[in-house]
Amino acid sequence: MFRKADWQVVAGWQGRYWALCLGGVTLSKTFRPEGWLLRPALDLELIPAAGDTHVRSKLVATSAELSGKSDVIDSLSYSASAGLDAEMGNFGLGLGYGFTGSRHAKDHSVYLNARYTF
C-alpha cells in the first residue's frame, strides 16, 4: 500500500481532487403483467470534479528538455444506465446497458443475468 511519500517517488506526482455526484436521478416503476414482475429503470448522473485535475510535467536531459500537460481526471463526467429486471416465481432475468463519459473517456457496459432462488 502506498503512503503519500511513496506515491511521489513512484509516480512523480501528488495531488488531490474531489468528485461529487450531482443530479443523480433514478426513474423506475414496477409492472405486474400475468404472473411476471417487471422493473424497468433509468439512472442519470452528472459528476463534476475539482482540485488537481491537471498535471504539468518536465523532463530535463543533458541536451534536451521535454515538458507536457496531461489530465488526471476530466472536470465533468456524466453517466446513464438503463435496465430491465423480470421475475416469475423463483426465476429472474436482468438486462442492462450503462454509459459513463467525459471529454476524454468513454465507457460502455452491458450486463445480462439469470437467477433461480430456492
Protein backbone atom coordinates (compact mmCIF):
# COMPACT_ATOMS: atom_id res chain seq x y z
CA MET A 1 0.00 0.00 0.00
CA PHE A 2 1.34 3.43 -0.92
CA ARG A 3 1.79 6.20 1.56
CA LYS A 4 1.74 9.78 0.34
CA ALA A 5 5.57 9.92 0.18
CA ASP A 6 5.75 6.62 -1.73
CA TRP A 7 3.29 7.94 -4.32
CA GLN A 8 5.56 10.92 -5.02
CA VAL A 9 8.57 8.67 -5.55
CA VAL A 10 6.80 6.08 -7.72
CA ALA A 11 4.66 8.36 -9.88
CA GLY A 12 6.35 11.73 -9.58
CA TRP A 13 3.00 13.42 -8.85
CA GLN A 14 0.97 14.15 -5.80
CA GLY A 15 -2.40 15.81 -5.94
CA ARG A 16 -5.89 15.87 -4.60
CA TYR A 17 -9.19 16.05 -6.41
CA TRP A 18 -12.82 15.76 -5.37
CA ALA A 19 -15.72 14.34 -7.34
CA LEU A 20 -19.32 14.95 -6.33
CA CYS A 21 -22.35 13.34 -7.91
CA LEU A 22 -24.95 15.99 -8.73
CA GLY A 23 -28.33 15.40 -10.25
CA GLY A 24 -28.35 11.66 -9.67
CA VAL A 25 -31.87 10.78 -10.82
CA THR A 26 -33.28 7.26 -10.88
CA LEU A 27 -36.61 6.53 -12.51
CA SER A 28 -38.17 3.12 -12.02
CA LYS A 29 -41.61 1.53 -11.95
CA THR A 30 -42.90 -1.95 -11.26
CA PHE A 31 -45.36 -3.64 -13.61
CA ARG A 32 -47.18 -6.94 -12.96
CA PRO A 33 -48.44 -8.44 -16.25
CA GLU A 34 -49.83 -12.02 -15.93
CA GLY A 35 -47.58 -13.55 -13.28
CA TRP A 36 -44.45 -11.54 -14.18
CA LEU A 37 -42.86 -8.81 -12.12
CA LEU A 38 -41.15 -6.27 -14.46
CA ARG A 39 -38.93 -3.45 -13.20
CA PRO A 40 -37.52 -1.07 -15.84
CA ALA A 41 -35.11 1.58 -14.53
CA LEU A 42 -33.23 4.60 -15.85
CA ASP A 43 -30.43 6.32 -13.93
CA LEU A 44 -28.81 9.68 -14.90
CA GLU A 45 -25.87 11.41 -13.16
CA LEU A 46 -23.60 14.44 -13.55
CA ILE A 47 -20.25 14.21 -11.76
CA PRO A 48 -18.16 17.41 -11.53
CA ALA A 49 -14.58 17.22 -10.24
CA ALA A 50 -12.43 19.93 -8.66
CA GLY A 51 -8.93 20.20 -7.33
CA ASP A 52 -5.76 18.96 -9.03
CA THR A 53 -7.38 17.73 -12.24
CA HIS A 54 -4.36 18.58 -14.46
CA VAL A 55 -0.68 17.74 -14.16
CA ARG A 56 2.28 19.56 -15.68
CA SER A 57 5.50 17.61 -16.12
CA LYS A 58 9.04 18.42 -17.20
CA LEU A 59 11.83 16.02 -18.13
CA VAL A 60 15.31 17.52 -18.41
CA ALA A 61 18.13 15.53 -20.00
CA THR A 62 21.69 16.68 -20.68
CA SER A 63 20.86 18.31 -24.02
CA ALA A 64 17.07 18.45 -24.22
CA GLU A 65 14.03 19.40 -22.26
CA LEU A 66 10.60 17.84 -22.68
CA SER A 67 7.52 19.22 -20.98
CA GLY A 68 3.83 18.48 -21.17
CA LYS A 69 0.44 18.73 -19.58
CA SER A 70 -2.00 15.91 -19.01
CA ASP A 71 -5.42 15.48 -17.46
CA VAL A 72 -5.69 13.31 -14.37
CA ILE A 73 -9.47 13.47 -14.39
CA ASP A 74 -11.90 15.47 -16.52
CA SER A 75 -13.71 18.31 -14.80
CA LEU A 76 -17.16 16.91 -15.70
CA SER A 77 -18.29 13.33 -16.21
CA TYR A 78 -21.75 12.03 -16.95
CA SER A 79 -23.36 8.65 -16.58
CA ALA A 80 -26.55 6.98 -17.78
CA SER A 81 -27.81 3.44 -17.36
CA ALA A 82 -30.99 1.65 -18.34
CA GLY A 83 -32.11 -1.83 -17.45
CA LEU A 84 -34.96 -4.25 -17.06
CA ASP A 85 -35.39 -6.90 -14.37
CA ALA A 86 -38.06 -9.57 -14.83
CA GLU A 87 -39.21 -12.19 -12.32
CA MET A 88 -41.68 -15.05 -12.46
CA GLY A 89 -41.93 -17.20 -9.38
CA ASN A 90 -38.41 -18.26 -8.38
CA PHE A 91 -36.85 -17.37 -11.75
CA GLY A 92 -35.43 -13.94 -12.61
CA LEU A 93 -33.71 -12.26 -15.55
CA GLY A 94 -31.90 -8.94 -15.84
CA LEU A 95 -30.60 -6.98 -18.83
CA GLY A 96 -28.99 -3.56 -18.81
CA TYR A 97 -26.72 -1.05 -20.50
CA GLY A 98 -24.59 1.66 -18.94
CA PHE A 99 -22.52 4.54 -20.30
CA THR A 100 -20.07 6.78 -18.48
CA GLY A 101 -18.33 9.53 -20.39
CA SER A 102 -16.38 12.73 -20.22
CA ARG A 103 -14.39 14.85 -22.62
CA HIS A 104 -11.54 12.32 -22.86
CA ALA A 105 -13.05 8.99 -21.84
CA LYS A 106 -15.97 6.79 -22.82
CA ASP A 107 -17.00 3.58 -21.06
CA HIS A 108 -19.79 1.25 -22.16
CA SER A 109 -21.07 -1.70 -20.14
CA VAL A 110 -23.69 -4.35 -20.78
CA TYR A 111 -24.96 -6.91 -18.31
CA LEU A 112 -27.18 -9.93 -18.53
CA ASN A 113 -28.01 -12.17 -15.60
CA ALA A 114 -30.27 -15.08 -14.77
CA ARG A 115 -31.10 -16.37 -11.31
CA TYR A 116 -33.14 -19.06 -9.68
CA THR A 117 -33.87 -18.78 -5.96
CA PHE A 118 -34.73 -21.76 -3.83
